[in-house]
């Protein structure tokens, strides 16, 4: 299994100015721990919406490679976003789903991926052509250069452990929004 924080740290070492949309919960906490920067957009209290937010950004800014860091519980709450993203197919979209097979933040209740649901198969069924399932950090490291350099859209399902996430990003949505827009060169 992949340690989610280590994989996030590895990812961040390979980015420059790419915007990263982090889902609420552990993806957001890990991203903050790995590297806090203006190009990070931390989602608060909007479970399932990182995928839609990232898709919108990828469509609005085709000049930027947009990375979504999501959780299995969050994407299961907004599976429709996968069909929409596959239909629109922005080549600059990378959707990484950390799958620990649980709603870890709310007490570790099992998600459907602990049972029969397979997020990679769901993504393929939605219409994604570039889908990977990775279950070791080494496999993640080997796949990352291809994912970052080849046109997408990509869905990467990374099977992770249930490690805790120590980071806590700023909790002001206004602050996060304004600094993110500044990083993208957008007006307020």
Foldseek 3Di string as FASTA:
>chain_A
DEALLVLLLLLVVPDDLAAEEEAPDQSLLSNVVSPDDLSYFYDDPPQQCQLVVQLVVCVVCVVHQYEYEHEPVRVVVPVVSLLVCLVVKRQSYEYEYEYQQAPLVVPGHGDCVVPPDDVQVSSVVSHFPAEEEAEYSVVSSVCVVVCNPGGGHYYYYYYHHSDHRPGDDDPDNVVSVVSNCVSVVHDD
